[in-house]
Amino acid sequence: MLLQPTYLRRSAAADYLREKWGIPRSAKTLAKLACIGGGPIYRRFGRIPLYTTADLDAYAEAKLGKPVHSTSEYGVVR
């Protein structure tokens, strides 16, 4: 049996990012990013934007930087 993804509305998606990843994104910020780009992938059901947890997880992973031991490592290219 295939599992169907759970779709979250924008406010629930913002809560998910904050609770699971500690990323402060409001529903209004997600709406702005949907217009200008740079936000998580979403789908529409009529005029309602819906996000999957998998797409939100991928967005959070892409936004996180690499692990470092100190701030001096940010300038090092390897």
PDB file of N, CA and C in Angstrom:
ATOM      1  N   MET A   1       0.833  -1.175   0.000  1.00  0.00           N
ATOM      2  CA  MET A   1       0.000   0.000   0.000  1.00  0.00           C
ATOM      3  C   MET A   1       0.882   1.243   0.000  1.00  0.00           C
ATOM      4  N   LEU A   2       0.586   2.178  -0.874  1.00  0.00           N
ATOM      5  CA  LEU A   2       1.352   3.420  -0.959  1.00  0.00           C
ATOM      6  C   LEU A   2       0.823   4.431   0.054  1.00  0.00           C
ATOM      7  N   LEU A   3       1.737   5.134   0.699  1.00  0.00           N
ATOM      8  CA  LEU A   3       1.341   6.181   1.632  1.00  0.00           C
ATOM      9  C   LEU A   3       1.110   7.477   0.877  1.00  0.00           C
ATOM     10  N   GLN A   4       0.019   8.112   1.152  1.00  0.00           N
ATOM     11  CA  GLN A   4      -0.292   9.395   0.544  1.00  0.00           C
ATOM     12  C   GLN A   4       0.355  10.501   1.376  1.00  0.00           C
ATOM     13  N   PRO A   5       0.904  11.519   0.722  1.00  0.00           N
ATOM     14  CA  PRO A   5       1.499  12.616   1.495  1.00  0.00           C
ATOM     15  C   PRO A   5       0.426  13.417   2.219  1.00  0.00           C
ATOM     16  N   THR A   6       0.812  13.967   3.345  1.00  0.00           N
ATOM     17  CA  THR A   6      -0.065  14.862   4.083  1.00  0.00           C
ATOM     18  C   THR A   6       0.206  16.275   3.600  1.00  0.00           C
ATOM     19  N   TYR A   7      -0.836  16.989   3.268  1.00  0.00           N
ATOM     20  CA  TYR A   7      -0.694  18.360   2.797  1.00  0.00           C
ATOM     21  C   TYR A   7      -1.018  19.331   3.925  1.00  0.00           C
ATOM     22  N   LEU A   8      -0.159  20.323   4.081  1.00  0.00           N
ATOM     23  CA  LEU A   8      -0.327  21.334   5.118  1.00  0.00           C
ATOM     24  C   LEU A   8      -0.646  22.680   4.488  1.00  0.00           C
ATOM     25  N   ARG A   9      -1.559  23.401   5.095  1.00  0.00           N
ATOM     26  CA  ARG A   9      -1.804  24.774   4.658  1.00  0.00           C
ATOM     27  C   ARG A   9      -0.645  25.637   5.124  1.00  0.00           C
ATOM     28  N   ARG A  10      -0.617  26.862   4.658  1.00  0.00           N
ATOM     29  CA  ARG A  10       0.544  27.721   4.874  1.00  0.00           C
ATOM     30  C   ARG A  10       0.857  27.943   6.354  1.00  0.00           C
ATOM     31  N   SER A  11      -0.129  28.182   7.181  1.00  0.00           N
ATOM     32  CA  SER A  11       0.147  28.426   8.605  1.00  0.00           C
ATOM     33  C   SER A  11       0.674  27.160   9.278  1.00  0.00           C
ATOM     34  N   ALA A  12       0.151  26.001   8.911  1.00  0.00           N
ATOM     35  CA  ALA A  12       0.641  24.740   9.471  1.00  0.00           C
ATOM     36  C   ALA A  12       2.052  24.446   8.960  1.00  0.00           C
ATOM     37  N   ALA A  13       2.345  24.820   7.723  1.00  0.00           N
ATOM     38  CA  ALA A  13       3.693  24.633   7.168  1.00  0.00           C
ATOM     39  C   ALA A  13       4.700  25.498   7.928  1.00  0.00           C
ATOM     40  N   ALA A  14       4.317  26.729   8.244  1.00  0.00           N
ATOM     41  CA  ALA A  14       5.190  27.612   9.023  1.00  0.00           C
ATOM     42  C   ALA A  14       5.426  27.027  10.416  1.00  0.00           C
ATOM     43  N   ASP A  15       4.376  26.503  11.042  1.00  0.00           N
ATOM     44  CA  ASP A  15       4.513  25.863  12.352  1.00  0.00           C
ATOM     45  C   ASP A  15       5.443  24.653  12.269  1.00  0.00           C
ATOM     46  N   TYR A  16       5.300  23.856  11.217  1.00  0.00           N
ATOM     47  CA  TYR A  16       6.127  22.666  11.032  1.00  0.00           C
ATOM     48  C   TYR A  16       7.607  23.047  10.933  1.00  0.00           C
ATOM     49  N   LEU A  17       7.927  24.058  10.127  1.00  0.00           N
ATOM     50  CA  LEU A  17       9.321  24.492   9.990  1.00  0.00           C
ATOM     51  C   LEU A  17       9.886  24.983  11.314  1.00  0.00           C
ATOM     52  N   ARG A  18       9.071  25.683  12.079  1.00  0.00           N
ATOM     53  CA  ARG A  18       9.515  26.216  13.359  1.00  0.00           C
ATOM     54  C   ARG A  18       9.687  25.100  14.389  1.00  0.00           C
ATOM     55  N   GLU A  19       8.726  24.179  14.464  1.00  0.00           N
ATOM     56  CA  GLU A  19       8.763  23.132  15.486  1.00  0.00           C
ATOM     57  C   GLU A  19       9.793  22.048  15.187  1.00  0.00           C
ATOM     58  N   LYS A  20       9.870  21.592  13.936  1.00  0.00           N
ATOM     59  CA  LYS A  20      10.786  20.502  13.621  1.00  0.00           C
ATOM     60  C   LYS A  20      12.210  20.987  13.387  1.00  0.00           C
ATOM     61  N   TRP A  21      12.368  22.102  12.686  1.00  0.00           N
ATOM     62  CA  TRP A  21      13.695  22.549  12.266  1.00  0.00           C
ATOM     63  C   TRP A  21      14.194  23.779  13.018  1.00  0.00           C
ATOM     64  N   GLY A  22      13.328  24.479  13.744  1.00  0.00           N
ATOM     65  CA  GLY A  22      13.745  25.694  14.422  1.00  0.00           C
ATOM     66  C   GLY A  22      13.935  26.860  13.465  1.00  0.00           C
ATOM     67  N   ILE A  23      13.326  26.766  12.278  1.00  0.00           N
ATOM     68  CA  ILE A  23      13.458  27.814  11.267  1.00  0.00           C
ATOM     69  C   ILE A  23      12.281  28.773  11.407  1.00  0.00           C
ATOM     70  N   PRO A  24      12.549  30.040  11.725  1.00  0.00           N
ATOM     71  CA  PRO A  24      11.464  30.996  11.913  1.00  0.00           C
ATOM     72  C   PRO A  24      10.915  31.509  10.579  1.00  0.00           C
ATOM     73  N   ARG A  25       9.858  30.915  10.127  1.00  0.00           N
ATOM     74  CA  ARG A  25       9.171  31.353   8.912  1.00  0.00           C
ATOM     75  C   ARG A  25       7.695  31.511   9.253  1.00  0.00           C
ATOM     76  N   SER A  26       7.148  32.672   8.992  1.00  0.00           N
ATOM     77  CA  SER A  26       5.722  32.881   9.225  1.00  0.00           C
ATOM     78  C   SER A  26       4.948  32.519   7.965  1.00  0.00           C
ATOM     79  N   ALA A  27       3.650  32.393   8.105  1.00  0.00           N
ATOM     80  CA  ALA A  27       2.802  32.122   6.944  1.00  0.00           C
ATOM     81  C   ALA A  27       2.921  33.264   5.927  1.00  0.00           C
ATOM     82  N   LYS A  28       3.065  34.492   6.415  1.00  0.00           N
ATOM     83  CA  LYS A  28       3.215  35.643   5.510  1.00  0.00           C
ATOM     84  C   LYS A  28       4.539  35.580   4.748  1.00  0.00           C
ATOM     85  N   THR A  29       5.590  35.127   5.410  1.00  0.00           N
ATOM     86  CA  THR A  29       6.877  34.981   4.728  1.00  0.00           C
ATOM     87  C   THR A  29       6.788  33.902   3.658  1.00  0.00           C
ATOM     88  N   LEU A  30       6.144  32.787   3.953  1.00  0.00           N
ATOM     89  CA  LEU A  30       5.967  31.738   2.953  1.00  0.00           C
ATOM     90  C   LEU A  30       5.158  32.252   1.771  1.00  0.00           C
ATOM     91  N   ALA A  31       4.153  33.093   2.034  1.00  0.00           N
ATOM     92  CA  ALA A  31       3.355  33.671   0.948  1.00  0.00           C
ATOM     93  C   ALA A  31       4.221  34.575   0.072  1.00  0.00           C
ATOM     94  N   LYS A  32       5.067  35.380   0.696  1.00  0.00           N
ATOM     95  CA  LYS A  32       5.946  36.259  -0.072  1.00  0.00           C
ATOM     96  C   LYS A  32       6.931  35.452  -0.902  1.00  0.00           C
ATOM     97  N   LEU A  33       7.515  34.411  -0.300  1.00  0.00           N
ATOM     98  CA  LEU A  33       8.467  33.573  -1.021  1.00  0.00           C
ATOM     99  C   LEU A  33       7.793  32.837  -2.182  1.00  0.00           C
ATOM    100  N   ALA A  34       6.515  32.529  -2.043  1.00  0.00           N
ATOM    101  CA  ALA A  34       5.781  31.892  -3.141  1.00  0.00           C
ATOM    102  C   ALA A  34       5.660  32.853  -4.322  1.00  0.00           C
ATOM    103  N   CYS A  35       5.642  34.142  -4.048  1.00  0.00           N
ATOM    104  CA  CYS A  35       5.536  35.151  -5.118  1.00  0.00           C
ATOM    105  C   CYS A  35       6.889  35.466  -5.744  1.00  0.00           C
ATOM    106  N   ILE A  36       7.908  35.642  -4.905  1.00  0.00           N
ATOM    107  CA  ILE A  36       9.202  36.092  -5.432  1.00  0.00           C
ATOM    108  C   ILE A  36      10.184  34.956  -5.673  1.00  0.00           C
ATOM    109  N   GLY A  37       9.882  33.769  -5.134  1.00  0.00           N
ATOM    110  CA  GLY A  37      10.785  32.634  -5.277  1.00  0.00           C
ATOM    111  C   GLY A  37      11.661  32.476  -4.053  1.00  0.00           C
ATOM    112  N   GLY A  38      12.269  31.314  -3.937  1.00  0.00           N
ATOM    113  CA  GLY A  38      13.175  31.054  -2.832  1.00  0.00           C
ATOM    114  C   GLY A  38      12.544  30.308  -1.673  1.00  0.00           C
ATOM    115  N   GLY A  39      11.276  29.962  -1.784  1.00  0.00           N
ATOM    116  CA  GLY A  39      10.604  29.232  -0.715  1.00  0.00           C
ATOM    117  C   GLY A  39      10.487  27.761  -1.037  1.00  0.00           C
ATOM    118  N   PRO A  40       9.817  27.031  -0.167  1.00  0.00           N
ATOM    119  CA  PRO A  40       9.625  25.595  -0.412  1.00  0.00           C
ATOM    120  C   PRO A  40       8.634  25.352  -1.553  1.00  0.00           C
ATOM    121  N   ILE A  41       8.749  24.194  -2.167  1.00  0.00           N
ATOM    122  CA  ILE A  41       7.819  23.788  -3.219  1.00  0.00           C
ATOM    123  C   ILE A  41       6.428  23.658  -2.616  1.00  0.00           C
ATOM    124  N   TYR A  42       5.430  24.073  -3.350  1.00  0.00           N
ATOM    125  CA  TYR A  42       4.047  23.911  -2.900  1.00  0.00           C
ATOM    126  C   TYR A  42       3.170  23.567  -4.084  1.00  0.00           C
ATOM    127  N   ARG A  43       1.990  23.096  -3.784  1.00  0.00           N
ATOM    128  CA  ARG A  43       0.984  22.794  -4.797  1.00  0.00           C
ATOM    129  C   ARG A  43      -0.256  23.607  -4.475  1.00  0.00           C
ATOM    130  N   ARG A  44      -1.154  23.704  -5.433  1.00  0.00           N
ATOM    131  CA  ARG A  44      -2.381  24.447  -5.176  1.00  0.00           C
ATOM    132  C   ARG A  44      -3.589  23.541  -5.348  1.00  0.00           C
ATOM    133  N   PHE A  45      -4.531  23.698  -4.460  1.00  0.00           N
ATOM    134  CA  PHE A  45      -5.836  23.072  -4.569  1.00  0.00           C
ATOM    135  C   PHE A  45      -6.805  24.226  -4.726  1.00  0.00           C
ATOM    136  N   GLY A  46      -7.142  24.509  -5.983  1.00  0.00           N
ATOM    137  CA  GLY A  46      -7.892  25.740  -6.253  1.00  0.00           C
ATOM    138  C   GLY A  46      -6.988  26.916  -5.962  1.00  0.00           C
ATOM    139  N   ARG A  47      -7.382  27.744  -5.018  1.00  0.00           N
ATOM    140  CA  ARG A  47      -6.542  28.884  -4.647  1.00  0.00           C
ATOM    141  C   ARG A  47      -5.797  28.670  -3.334  1.00  0.00           C
ATOM    142  N   ILE A  48      -5.879  27.465  -2.786  1.00  0.00           N
ATOM    143  CA  ILE A  48      -5.246  27.160  -1.505  1.00  0.00           C
ATOM    144  C   ILE A  48      -3.867  26.529  -1.731  1.00  0.00           C
ATOM    145  N   PRO A  49      -2.793  27.175  -1.256  1.00  0.00           N
ATOM    146  CA  PRO A  49      -1.462  26.573  -1.367  1.00  0.00           C
ATOM    147  C   PRO A  49      -1.289  25.482  -0.316  1.00  0.00           C
ATOM    148  N   LEU A  50      -0.711  24.366  -0.743  1.00  0.00           N
ATOM    149  CA  LEU A  50      -0.502  23.225   0.148  1.00  0.00           C
ATOM    150  C   LEU A  50       0.947  22.753   0.053  1.00  0.00           C
ATOM    151  N   TYR A  51       1.511  22.396   1.181  1.00  0.00           N
ATOM    152  CA  TYR A  51       2.904  21.965   1.284  1.00  0.00           C
ATOM    153  C   TYR A  51       2.941  20.544   1.837  1.00  0.00           C
ATOM    154  N   THR A  52       3.880  19.732   1.359  1.00  0.00           N
ATOM    155  CA  THR A  52       4.090  18.413   1.967  1.00  0.00           C
ATOM    156  C   THR A  52       5.247  18.516   2.952  1.00  0.00           C
ATOM    157  N   THR A  53       5.259  17.639   3.927  1.00  0.00           N
ATOM    158  CA  THR A  53       6.353  17.651   4.899  1.00  0.00           C
ATOM    159  C   THR A  53       7.677  17.291   4.213  1.00  0.00           C
ATOM    160  N   ALA A  54       7.620  16.430   3.201  1.00  0.00           N
ATOM    161  CA  ALA A  54       8.853  16.080   2.476  1.00  0.00           C
ATOM    162  C   ALA A  54       9.442  17.302   1.777  1.00  0.00           C
ATOM    163  N   ASP A  55       8.597  18.127   1.157  1.00  0.00           N
ATOM    164  CA  ASP A  55       9.082  19.339   0.495  1.00  0.00           C
ATOM    165  C   ASP A  55       9.597  20.356   1.512  1.00  0.00           C
ATOM    166  N   LEU A  56       8.943  20.448   2.664  1.00  0.00           N
ATOM    167  CA  LEU A  56       9.413  21.359   3.713  1.00  0.00           C
ATOM    168  C   LEU A  56      10.746  20.885   4.287  1.00  0.00           C
ATOM    169  N   ASP A  57      10.900  19.573   4.450  1.00  0.00           N
ATOM    170  CA  ASP A  57      12.177  19.033   4.927  1.00  0.00           C
ATOM    171  C   ASP A  57      13.296  19.306   3.924  1.00  0.00           C
ATOM    172  N   ALA A  58      13.009  19.133   2.636  1.00  0.00           N
ATOM    173  CA  ALA A  58      14.008  19.392   1.592  1.00  0.00           C
ATOM    174  C   ALA A  58      14.406  20.874   1.587  1.00  0.00           C
ATOM    175  N   TYR A  59      13.437  21.753   1.768  1.00  0.00           N
ATOM    176  CA  TYR A  59      13.701  23.196   1.832  1.00  0.00           C
ATOM    177  C   TYR A  59      14.615  23.514   3.020  1.00  0.00           C
ATOM    178  N   ALA A  60      14.308  22.943   4.183  1.00  0.00           N
ATOM    179  CA  ALA A  60      15.103  23.203   5.384  1.00  0.00           C
ATOM    180  C   ALA A  60      16.526  22.677   5.207  1.00  0.00           C
ATOM    181  N   GLU A  61      16.663  21.486   4.670  1.00  0.00           N
ATOM    182  CA  GLU A  61      17.991  20.906   4.436  1.00  0.00           C
ATOM    183  C   GLU A  61      18.803  21.777   3.482  1.00  0.00           C
ATOM    184  N   ALA A  62      18.161  22.298   2.440  1.00  0.00           N
ATOM    185  CA  ALA A  62      18.861  23.126   1.460  1.00  0.00           C
ATOM    186  C   ALA A  62      19.305  24.464   2.062  1.00  0.00           C
ATOM    187  N   LYS A  63      18.559  24.977   3.022  1.00  0.00           N
ATOM    188  CA  LYS A  63      18.884  26.260   3.639  1.00  0.00           C
ATOM    189  C   LYS A  63      19.980  26.153   4.691  1.00  0.00           C
ATOM    190  N   LEU A  64      20.144  24.969   5.275  1.00  0.00           N
ATOM    191  CA  LEU A  64      21.154  24.797   6.320  1.00  0.00           C
ATOM    192  C   LEU A  64      22.550  24.826   5.726  1.00  0.00           C
ATOM    193  N   GLY A  65      23.442  25.481   6.408  1.00  0.00           N
ATOM    194  CA  GLY A  65      24.832  25.499   5.989  1.00  0.00           C
ATOM    195  C   GLY A  65      25.539  24.232   6.437  1.00  0.00           C
ATOM    196  N   LYS A  66      26.768  24.101   5.976  1.00  0.00           N
ATOM    197  CA  LYS A  66      27.556  22.929   6.371  1.00  0.00           C
ATOM    198  C   LYS A  66      27.989  23.075   7.826  1.00  0.00           C
ATOM    199  N   PRO A  67      28.238  21.956   8.493  1.00  0.00           N
ATOM    200  CA  PRO A  67      28.707  22.032   9.873  1.00  0.00           C
ATOM    201  C   PRO A  67      30.123  22.619   9.933  1.00  0.00           C
ATOM    202  N   VAL A  68      30.362  23.500  10.891  1.00  0.00           N
ATOM    203  CA  VAL A  68      31.680  24.107  11.068  1.00  0.00           C
ATOM    204  C   VAL A  68      32.047  24.098  12.550  1.00  0.00           C
ATOM    205  N   HIS A  69      33.345  24.216  12.821  1.00  0.00           N
ATOM    206  CA  HIS A  69      33.832  24.286  14.191  1.00  0.00           C
ATOM    207  C   HIS A  69      34.009  25.728  14.655  1.00  0.00           C
ATOM    208  N   SER A  70      34.227  26.647  13.719  1.00  0.00           N
ATOM    209  CA  SER A  70      34.382  28.054  14.076  1.00  0.00           C
ATOM    210  C   SER A  70      33.967  28.926  12.897  1.00  0.00           C
ATOM    211  N   THR A  71      33.789  30.208  13.169  1.00  0.00           N
ATOM    212  CA  THR A  71      33.377  31.132  12.110  1.00  0.00           C
ATOM    213  C   THR A  71      34.463  31.322  11.055  1.00  0.00           C
ATOM    214  N   SER A  72      35.692  31.034  11.390  1.00  0.00           N
ATOM    215  CA  SER A  72      36.772  31.185  10.416  1.00  0.00           C
ATOM    216  C   SER A  72      36.666  30.177   9.270  1.00  0.00           C
ATOM    217  N   GLU A  73      35.918  29.120   9.460  1.00  0.00           N
ATOM    218  CA  GLU A  73      35.764  28.105   8.418  1.00  0.00           C
ATOM    219  C   GLU A  73      34.817  28.555   7.295  1.00  0.00           C
ATOM    220  N   TYR A  74      34.038  29.566   7.505  1.00  0.00           N
ATOM    221  CA  TYR A  74      33.109  30.021   6.476  1.00  0.00           C
ATOM    222  C   TYR A  74      33.809  30.523   5.226  1.00  0.00           C
ATOM    223  N   GLY A  75      35.000  31.099   5.365  1.00  0.00           N
ATOM    224  CA  GLY A  75      35.722  31.626   4.221  1.00  0.00           C
ATOM    225  C   GLY A  75      36.570  30.601   3.490  1.00  0.00           C
ATOM    226  N   VAL A  76      36.714  29.406   4.054  1.00  0.00           N
ATOM    227  CA  VAL A  76      37.563  28.363   3.467  1.00  0.00           C
ATOM    228  C   VAL A  76      36.794  27.623   2.381  1.00  0.00           C
ATOM    229  N   VAL A  77      37.391  27.540   1.194  1.00  0.00           N
ATOM    230  CA  VAL A  77      36.784  26.791   0.086  1.00  0.00           C
ATOM    231  C   VAL A  77      37.558  25.504  -0.080  1.00  0.00           C
ATOM    232  N   ARG A  78      36.868  24.387  -0.017  1.00  0.00           N
ATOM    233  CA  ARG A  78      37.546  23.083  -0.167  1.00  0.00           C
ATOM    234  C   ARG A  78      36.942  22.318  -1.294  1.00  0.00           C
TER     235      ARG A  78
END
